[in-house]
Structures are given as structure tokens and as C-alpha cells.
């Protein structure tokens, strides 16, 4: 097979659809359909967004992609409430566990308070920071 390999610093939507579709088809043939669904938890103070959680559910797991609380809204338990809300929705969707990764030691402590445990790490991931991979079985302690 004669091939050409190219590198780009952007991801074309058609390319992304082709690659993700091909991978999804491969995984579905190997593992069964993922039933992937986005999951978003928004936190408002009045009309202002002060934080949120974004992730998805697939193969009976919740993946937490992002959790952000605006600086002036921190320290009020909103991060834990966002995690708890996402977990409750994931359980409704049939999920049995959750996973995430973080570089932030403060976020790690929040997730540990919510019942997550470290299952892997990449020391010195960037500039001396460790990247922690965490999981939680939903029969564990809630936030």
C-alpha cells in the first residue's frame, strides 16, 4: 500500500468525524455500543454562570472532562454539588462508576472528599506537576 502521511496543527471537522466514526465502529464491534451521551451541569447565581461540569457517560461509566468554579464562587461547596449532581444523573443513566484526571492538587482533594481514589499517575507530567487519574464506584461515599 502506497501512503502519504501529513501533519496539521488543526483538526478539520470532516477528518474528526471520519476518525471518530471509524474508532466508534471498531469499538462497537469489539465492546458493543457505548451509548455515549454528553452530560453538563451548569451552576448559576442569578443570570450569571459561576461554574459547571462537563463530561459524558459511556459503557456504564461517567467521565468528568472539566469542572470549573469561578474564583469568587469557590469555597461554597459548589464543586462537590456539581460532582454529586453529575453522579446522580449518571446513575439514572445506568452508570456504575466515574473516572477523571486532574493536575490540580486542590481539585484532587475535592474529588477525594467526594469518594474518588487515585488509580494512576504521571509524575512530572508538566513542569513538575503530577497528573492524577481517579475513579469512584457509585456504591462509595457520596459528596
N, C-alpha and C. Protein backbone atom coordinates (compact mmCIF):
# COMPACT_ATOMS: atom_id res chain seq x y z
N UNK A 1 0.85 -1.17 0.00
CA UNK A 1 0.00 0.00 0.00
C UNK A 1 0.89 1.24 0.00
N UNK A 2 0.66 2.14 -0.94
CA UNK A 2 1.39 3.39 -1.01
C UNK A 2 0.60 4.45 -0.23
N UNK A 3 1.22 5.06 0.78
CA UNK A 3 0.51 6.02 1.63
C UNK A 3 1.27 7.34 1.70
N UNK A 4 0.54 8.38 2.06
CA UNK A 4 1.10 9.69 2.34
C UNK A 4 0.70 10.04 3.76
N UNK A 5 1.61 10.54 4.55
CA UNK A 5 1.31 10.94 5.93
C UNK A 5 1.50 12.44 6.03
N UNK A 6 0.48 13.13 6.57
CA UNK A 6 0.51 14.57 6.71
C UNK A 6 0.31 14.96 8.17
N UNK A 7 0.83 16.11 8.56
CA UNK A 7 0.66 16.66 9.90
C UNK A 7 0.04 18.04 9.77
N UNK A 8 -0.92 18.35 10.64
CA UNK A 8 -1.55 19.67 10.66
C UNK A 8 -1.67 20.15 12.10
N UNK A 9 -1.80 21.45 12.27
CA UNK A 9 -1.97 21.99 13.61
C UNK A 9 -3.42 22.38 13.89
N UNK A 10 -4.34 21.77 13.17
CA UNK A 10 -5.78 21.94 13.39
C UNK A 10 -6.47 20.65 12.99
N UNK A 11 -7.66 20.45 13.53
CA UNK A 11 -8.42 19.24 13.22
C UNK A 11 -9.65 19.63 12.42
N UNK A 12 -9.67 19.25 11.18
CA UNK A 12 -10.79 19.50 10.29
C UNK A 12 -12.01 18.70 10.76
N UNK A 13 -13.20 19.27 10.68
CA UNK A 13 -14.40 18.59 11.17
C UNK A 13 -14.68 17.30 10.39
N UNK A 14 -14.41 17.30 9.10
CA UNK A 14 -14.61 16.08 8.30
C UNK A 14 -13.62 14.98 8.72
N UNK A 15 -12.37 15.38 8.94
CA UNK A 15 -11.35 14.44 9.42
C UNK A 15 -11.75 13.87 10.78
N UNK A 16 -12.16 14.76 11.70
CA UNK A 16 -12.56 14.32 13.03
C UNK A 16 -13.73 13.33 12.97
N UNK A 17 -14.72 13.64 12.14
CA UNK A 17 -15.88 12.76 12.00
C UNK A 17 -15.47 11.40 11.45
N UNK A 18 -14.58 11.40 10.48
CA UNK A 18 -14.13 10.14 9.86
C UNK A 18 -13.36 9.28 10.87
N UNK A 19 -12.41 9.89 11.58
CA UNK A 19 -11.59 9.14 12.54
C UNK A 19 -12.42 8.70 13.74
N UNK A 20 -13.21 9.61 14.31
CA UNK A 20 -14.02 9.22 15.47
C UNK A 20 -15.08 8.20 15.08
N UNK A 21 -15.65 8.33 13.90
CA UNK A 21 -16.64 7.35 13.43
C UNK A 21 -16.02 5.98 13.22
N UNK A 22 -14.82 5.97 12.64
CA UNK A 22 -14.13 4.70 12.44
C UNK A 22 -13.78 4.02 13.75
N UNK A 23 -13.29 4.82 14.71
CA UNK A 23 -12.96 4.27 16.02
C UNK A 23 -14.21 3.79 16.75
N UNK A 24 -15.29 4.56 16.67
CA UNK A 24 -16.55 4.17 17.32
C UNK A 24 -17.06 2.85 16.73
N UNK A 25 -16.97 2.69 15.43
CA UNK A 25 -17.41 1.44 14.79
C UNK A 25 -16.54 0.27 15.23
N UNK A 26 -15.23 0.49 15.29
CA UNK A 26 -14.33 -0.56 15.76
C UNK A 26 -14.65 -0.96 17.19
N UNK A 27 -14.79 0.04 18.07
CA UNK A 27 -15.10 -0.24 19.48
C UNK A 27 -16.46 -0.92 19.63
N UNK A 28 -17.44 -0.49 18.87
CA UNK A 28 -18.77 -1.11 18.95
C UNK A 28 -18.69 -2.58 18.55
N UNK A 29 -17.90 -2.89 17.54
CA UNK A 29 -17.75 -4.28 17.11
C UNK A 29 -17.04 -5.11 18.19
N UNK A 30 -16.11 -4.48 18.91
CA UNK A 30 -15.35 -5.19 19.93
C UNK A 30 -16.05 -5.24 21.28
N UNK A 31 -16.67 -4.12 21.68
CA UNK A 31 -17.21 -3.98 23.03
C UNK A 31 -18.72 -3.86 23.09
N UNK A 32 -19.35 -3.58 21.98
CA UNK A 32 -20.77 -3.24 21.97
C UNK A 32 -20.92 -1.73 21.95
N UNK A 33 -22.12 -1.29 21.67
CA UNK A 33 -22.38 0.15 21.57
C UNK A 33 -22.08 0.85 22.90
N UNK A 34 -21.49 2.02 22.83
CA UNK A 34 -21.11 2.76 24.05
C UNK A 34 -22.28 3.49 24.68
N UNK A 35 -23.30 3.80 23.90
CA UNK A 35 -24.42 4.62 24.36
C UNK A 35 -23.92 5.96 24.91
N UNK A 36 -22.89 6.52 24.28
CA UNK A 36 -22.29 7.77 24.77
C UNK A 36 -23.29 8.91 24.69
N UNK A 37 -23.39 9.65 25.81
CA UNK A 37 -24.23 10.85 25.89
C UNK A 37 -23.49 11.92 26.66
N UNK A 38 -23.51 13.13 26.14
CA UNK A 38 -22.92 14.25 26.86
C UNK A 38 -23.67 14.48 28.17
N UNK A 39 -22.97 15.06 29.13
CA UNK A 39 -23.57 15.42 30.41
C UNK A 39 -22.99 16.76 30.84
N UNK A 40 -23.86 17.72 31.08
CA UNK A 40 -23.42 19.05 31.50
C UNK A 40 -24.21 19.46 32.74
N UNK A 41 -23.51 20.01 33.72
CA UNK A 41 -24.12 20.54 34.94
C UNK A 41 -23.73 22.02 34.99
N UNK A 42 -24.71 22.90 34.95
CA UNK A 42 -24.47 24.34 34.97
C UNK A 42 -24.85 24.90 36.33
N UNK A 43 -24.05 25.83 36.84
CA UNK A 43 -24.31 26.46 38.13
C UNK A 43 -24.44 27.96 37.90
N UNK A 44 -25.59 28.51 38.27
CA UNK A 44 -25.87 29.92 38.07
C UNK A 44 -26.09 30.62 39.40
N UNK A 45 -25.65 31.86 39.48
CA UNK A 45 -26.02 32.78 40.54
C UNK A 45 -26.82 33.86 39.84
N UNK A 46 -28.13 33.81 39.99
CA UNK A 46 -28.98 34.69 39.20
C UNK A 46 -28.87 34.29 37.74
N UNK A 47 -28.51 35.27 36.90
CA UNK A 47 -28.35 35.01 35.46
C UNK A 47 -26.91 34.70 35.07
N UNK A 48 -26.00 34.72 36.04
CA UNK A 48 -24.58 34.55 35.73
C UNK A 48 -24.12 33.11 35.95
N UNK A 49 -23.41 32.58 34.96
CA UNK A 49 -22.80 31.27 35.10
C UNK A 49 -21.60 31.42 36.03
N UNK A 50 -21.59 30.65 37.12
CA UNK A 50 -20.47 30.72 38.06
C UNK A 50 -19.67 29.42 38.09
N UNK A 51 -20.11 28.44 37.32
CA UNK A 51 -19.35 27.20 37.27
C UNK A 51 -20.10 26.12 36.52
N UNK A 52 -19.43 25.00 36.38
CA UNK A 52 -20.07 23.89 35.71
C UNK A 52 -19.17 22.69 35.58
N UNK A 53 -19.79 21.61 35.20
CA UNK A 53 -19.11 20.33 34.98
C UNK A 53 -19.52 19.86 33.60
N UNK A 54 -18.56 19.38 32.83
CA UNK A 54 -18.82 18.83 31.51
C UNK A 54 -18.19 17.45 31.42
N UNK A 55 -18.90 16.54 30.84
CA UNK A 55 -18.38 15.19 30.67
C UNK A 55 -19.31 14.39 29.78
N UNK A 56 -19.25 13.09 29.94
CA UNK A 56 -20.15 12.23 29.19
C UNK A 56 -20.27 10.89 29.90
N UNK A 57 -21.31 10.16 29.54
CA UNK A 57 -21.48 8.79 30.02
C UNK A 57 -21.33 7.85 28.82
N UNK A 58 -20.67 6.73 29.07
CA UNK A 58 -20.48 5.71 28.03
C UNK A 58 -20.05 4.41 28.70
N UNK A 59 -20.52 3.29 28.18
CA UNK A 59 -20.17 1.96 28.69
C UNK A 59 -20.33 1.88 30.21
N UNK A 60 -21.41 2.47 30.71
CA UNK A 60 -21.75 2.42 32.14
C UNK A 60 -20.79 3.19 33.03
N UNK A 61 -20.05 4.14 32.48
CA UNK A 61 -19.14 4.98 33.25
C UNK A 61 -19.44 6.44 32.95
N UNK A 62 -19.23 7.27 33.97
CA UNK A 62 -19.24 8.72 33.81
C UNK A 62 -17.79 9.17 33.68
N UNK A 63 -17.50 9.97 32.67
CA UNK A 63 -16.19 10.60 32.55
C UNK A 63 -16.37 12.09 32.80
N UNK A 64 -15.66 12.64 33.78
CA UNK A 64 -15.68 14.06 34.07
C UNK A 64 -14.54 14.70 33.29
N UNK A 65 -14.89 15.45 32.28
CA UNK A 65 -13.90 16.09 31.43
C UNK A 65 -13.40 17.39 32.05
N UNK A 66 -14.33 18.24 32.49
CA UNK A 66 -13.98 19.53 33.08
C UNK A 66 -14.88 19.84 34.26
N UNK A 67 -14.31 20.44 35.28
CA UNK A 67 -15.06 21.02 36.39
C UNK A 67 -14.43 22.37 36.68
N UNK A 68 -15.24 23.41 36.63
CA UNK A 68 -14.74 24.76 36.85
C UNK A 68 -15.72 25.52 37.72
N UNK A 69 -15.20 26.23 38.73
CA UNK A 69 -15.97 27.14 39.56
C UNK A 69 -15.26 28.49 39.52
N UNK A 70 -16.01 29.53 39.22
CA UNK A 70 -15.43 30.87 39.15
C UNK A 70 -14.77 31.22 40.49
N UNK A 71 -13.67 31.94 40.44
CA UNK A 71 -12.87 32.25 41.64
C UNK A 71 -13.72 32.80 42.79
N UNK A 72 -14.60 33.75 42.50
CA UNK A 72 -15.38 34.38 43.57
C UNK A 72 -16.51 33.50 44.09
N UNK A 73 -16.70 32.33 43.49
CA UNK A 73 -17.76 31.42 43.95
C UNK A 73 -17.18 30.18 44.64
N UNK A 74 -15.86 30.10 44.73
CA UNK A 74 -15.22 28.93 45.35
C UNK A 74 -15.39 28.97 46.86
N UNK A 75 -15.24 27.79 47.47
CA UNK A 75 -15.33 27.69 48.92
C UNK A 75 -16.76 27.59 49.44
N UNK A 76 -17.71 27.41 48.55
CA UNK A 76 -19.12 27.32 48.94
C UNK A 76 -19.70 25.93 48.69
N UNK A 77 -18.84 24.98 48.36
CA UNK A 77 -19.30 23.61 48.12
C UNK A 77 -19.90 23.39 46.75
N UNK A 78 -19.74 24.33 45.83
CA UNK A 78 -20.36 24.20 44.51
C UNK A 78 -19.72 23.10 43.67
N UNK A 79 -18.40 22.92 43.81
CA UNK A 79 -17.74 21.84 43.07
C UNK A 79 -18.28 20.49 43.48
N UNK A 80 -18.41 20.26 44.78
CA UNK A 80 -18.95 18.99 45.28
C UNK A 80 -20.39 18.81 44.84
N UNK A 81 -21.17 19.90 44.83
CA UNK A 81 -22.56 19.80 44.38
C UNK A 81 -22.65 19.46 42.90
N UNK A 82 -21.74 20.02 42.10
CA UNK A 82 -21.72 19.70 40.67
C UNK A 82 -21.37 18.24 40.45
N UNK A 83 -20.37 17.74 41.17
CA UNK A 83 -19.99 16.33 41.06
C UNK A 83 -21.15 15.43 41.48
N UNK A 84 -21.78 15.74 42.60
CA UNK A 84 -22.90 14.95 43.10
C UNK A 84 -24.05 14.93 42.09
N UNK A 85 -24.36 16.08 41.51
CA UNK A 85 -25.43 16.17 40.52
C UNK A 85 -25.11 15.32 39.30
N UNK A 86 -23.86 15.39 38.83
CA UNK A 86 -23.45 14.59 37.68
C UNK A 86 -23.53 13.10 38.00
N UNK A 87 -23.12 12.71 39.19
CA UNK A 87 -23.18 11.30 39.60
C UNK A 87 -24.62 10.81 39.63
N UNK A 88 -25.50 11.60 40.19
CA UNK A 88 -26.92 11.21 40.26
C UNK A 88 -27.50 10.98 38.87
N UNK A 89 -27.17 11.89 37.94
CA UNK A 89 -27.65 11.71 36.56
C UNK A 89 -27.02 10.49 35.93
N UNK A 90 -25.73 10.27 36.16
CA UNK A 90 -25.06 9.10 35.60
C UNK A 90 -25.69 7.80 36.12
N UNK A 91 -26.02 7.79 37.38
CA UNK A 91 -26.68 6.60 37.96
C UNK A 91 -28.03 6.38 37.29
N UNK A 92 -28.78 7.45 37.05
CA UNK A 92 -30.07 7.33 36.33
C UNK A 92 -29.86 6.73 34.94
N UNK A 93 -28.70 7.03 34.35
CA UNK A 93 -28.39 6.51 33.01
C UNK A 93 -27.82 5.09 33.06
N UNK A 94 -27.71 4.53 34.25
CA UNK A 94 -27.23 3.16 34.38
C UNK A 94 -25.74 3.02 34.63
N UNK A 95 -25.07 4.11 34.94
CA UNK A 95 -23.63 4.05 35.20
C UNK A 95 -23.34 3.46 36.57
N UNK A 96 -22.19 2.80 36.66
CA UNK A 96 -21.78 2.16 37.90
C UNK A 96 -20.56 2.81 38.52
N UNK A 97 -19.91 3.72 37.78
CA UNK A 97 -18.68 4.33 38.28
C UNK A 97 -18.35 5.57 37.47
N UNK A 98 -17.33 6.30 37.95
CA UNK A 98 -16.87 7.51 37.27
C UNK A 98 -15.35 7.54 37.26
N UNK A 99 -14.80 8.28 36.30
CA UNK A 99 -13.36 8.48 36.27
C UNK A 99 -13.06 9.87 35.73
N UNK A 100 -11.85 10.34 36.02
CA UNK A 100 -11.41 11.67 35.60
C UNK A 100 -9.90 11.74 35.75
N UNK A 101 -9.34 12.84 35.29
CA UNK A 101 -7.93 13.11 35.58
C UNK A 101 -7.78 14.58 35.91
N UNK A 102 -6.78 14.89 36.72
CA UNK A 102 -6.54 16.27 37.13
C UNK A 102 -5.06 16.51 37.40
N UNK A 103 -4.64 17.74 37.16
CA UNK A 103 -3.29 18.20 37.50
C UNK A 103 -3.31 19.03 38.78
N UNK A 104 -4.48 19.43 39.20
CA UNK A 104 -4.64 20.40 40.28
C UNK A 104 -4.75 19.71 41.64
N UNK A 105 -3.80 19.96 42.56
CA UNK A 105 -3.86 19.33 43.89
C UNK A 105 -5.13 19.70 44.66
N UNK A 106 -5.61 20.92 44.49
CA UNK A 106 -6.85 21.35 45.15
C UNK A 106 -8.04 20.55 44.62
N UNK A 107 -8.09 20.37 43.31
CA UNK A 107 -9.17 19.57 42.71
C UNK A 107 -9.06 18.11 43.16
N UNK A 108 -7.84 17.60 43.25
CA UNK A 108 -7.66 16.23 43.73
C UNK A 108 -8.28 16.06 45.12
N UNK A 109 -8.03 17.02 46.00
CA UNK A 109 -8.60 16.94 47.35
C UNK A 109 -10.12 16.98 47.31
N UNK A 110 -10.69 17.81 46.45
CA UNK A 110 -12.15 17.85 46.29
C UNK A 110 -12.68 16.48 45.87
N UNK A 111 -12.06 15.91 44.84
CA UNK A 111 -12.53 14.61 44.34
C UNK A 111 -12.36 13.52 45.41
N UNK A 112 -11.28 13.58 46.17
CA UNK A 112 -11.10 12.60 47.25
C UNK A 112 -12.20 12.74 48.30
N UNK A 113 -12.58 13.98 48.63
CA UNK A 113 -13.70 14.19 49.57
C UNK A 113 -14.99 13.63 49.02
N UNK A 114 -15.11 13.58 47.70
CA UNK A 114 -16.31 13.04 47.05
C UNK A 114 -16.23 11.53 46.85
N UNK A 115 -15.16 10.89 47.33
CA UNK A 115 -15.07 9.45 47.27
C UNK A 115 -14.21 8.89 46.15
N UNK A 116 -13.56 9.74 45.37
CA UNK A 116 -12.68 9.27 44.30
C UNK A 116 -11.35 8.82 44.89
N UNK A 117 -10.72 7.84 44.25
CA UNK A 117 -9.40 7.37 44.65
C UNK A 117 -8.48 7.38 43.43
N UNK A 118 -7.20 7.63 43.68
CA UNK A 118 -6.21 7.63 42.61
C UNK A 118 -5.93 6.20 42.18
N UNK A 119 -5.98 5.95 40.87
CA UNK A 119 -5.62 4.63 40.36
C UNK A 119 -4.41 4.68 39.45
N UNK A 120 -3.91 5.87 39.18
CA UNK A 120 -2.71 6.00 38.38
C UNK A 120 -2.23 7.44 38.37
N UNK A 121 -0.97 7.61 38.04
CA UNK A 121 -0.43 8.96 37.97
C UNK A 121 0.72 9.02 36.98
N UNK A 122 0.92 10.23 36.45
CA UNK A 122 2.05 10.53 35.58
C UNK A 122 2.88 11.60 36.28
N UNK A 123 3.95 11.19 36.97
CA UNK A 123 4.80 12.17 37.66
C UNK A 123 5.45 13.10 36.65
N UNK A 124 5.68 14.34 37.05
CA UNK A 124 6.34 15.34 36.21
C UNK A 124 5.69 15.42 34.83
N UNK A 125 4.35 15.37 34.81
CA UNK A 125 3.61 15.46 33.54
C UNK A 125 3.97 16.74 32.81
N UNK A 126 4.01 17.83 33.58
CA UNK A 126 4.42 19.11 33.02
C UNK A 126 4.93 19.99 34.15
N UNK A 127 6.12 20.52 33.97
CA UNK A 127 6.72 21.49 34.90
C UNK A 127 6.64 21.03 36.35
N UNK A 128 6.92 19.76 36.59
CA UNK A 128 6.93 19.23 37.96
C UNK A 128 5.57 18.85 38.50
N UNK A 129 4.51 19.01 37.72
CA UNK A 129 3.17 18.66 38.17
C UNK A 129 2.84 17.21 37.82
N UNK A 130 2.20 16.54 38.75
CA UNK A 130 1.75 15.16 38.52
C UNK A 130 0.31 15.18 38.02
N UNK A 131 0.03 14.35 37.05
CA UNK A 131 -1.34 14.18 36.56
C UNK A 131 -1.90 12.94 37.23
N UNK A 132 -3.03 13.13 37.94
CA UNK A 132 -3.66 12.04 38.69
C UNK A 132 -4.88 11.53 37.95
N UNK A 133 -5.00 10.22 37.87
CA UNK A 133 -6.16 9.56 37.30
C UNK A 133 -6.94 8.97 38.47
N UNK A 134 -8.23 9.29 38.53
CA UNK A 134 -9.04 8.94 39.69
C UNK A 134 -10.33 8.25 39.25
N UNK A 135 -10.84 7.40 40.13
CA UNK A 135 -12.11 6.72 39.85
C UNK A 135 -12.94 6.62 41.11
N UNK A 136 -14.21 6.35 40.89
CA UNK A 136 -15.13 6.17 42.01
C UNK A 136 -16.20 5.17 41.61
N UNK A 137 -16.40 4.18 42.45
CA UNK A 137 -17.52 3.27 42.28
C UNK A 137 -18.73 3.92 42.93
N UNK A 138 -19.88 3.88 42.30
CA UNK A 138 -21.01 4.62 42.82
C UNK A 138 -21.62 4.09 44.09
N UNK A 139 -21.21 2.90 44.53
CA UNK A 139 -21.67 2.47 45.84
C UNK A 139 -20.80 3.06 46.95
N UNK A 140 -19.80 3.89 46.55
CA UNK A 140 -18.91 4.55 47.52
C UNK A 140 -19.60 5.79 48.09
N UNK A 141 -18.92 6.45 49.00
CA UNK A 141 -19.43 7.64 49.67
C UNK A 141 -19.79 8.72 48.68
N UNK A 142 -20.93 9.36 48.89
CA UNK A 142 -21.34 10.48 48.04
C UNK A 142 -20.74 11.76 48.58
N UNK A 143 -20.70 12.80 47.77
CA UNK A 143 -20.19 14.11 48.18
C UNK A 143 -21.01 14.66 49.33
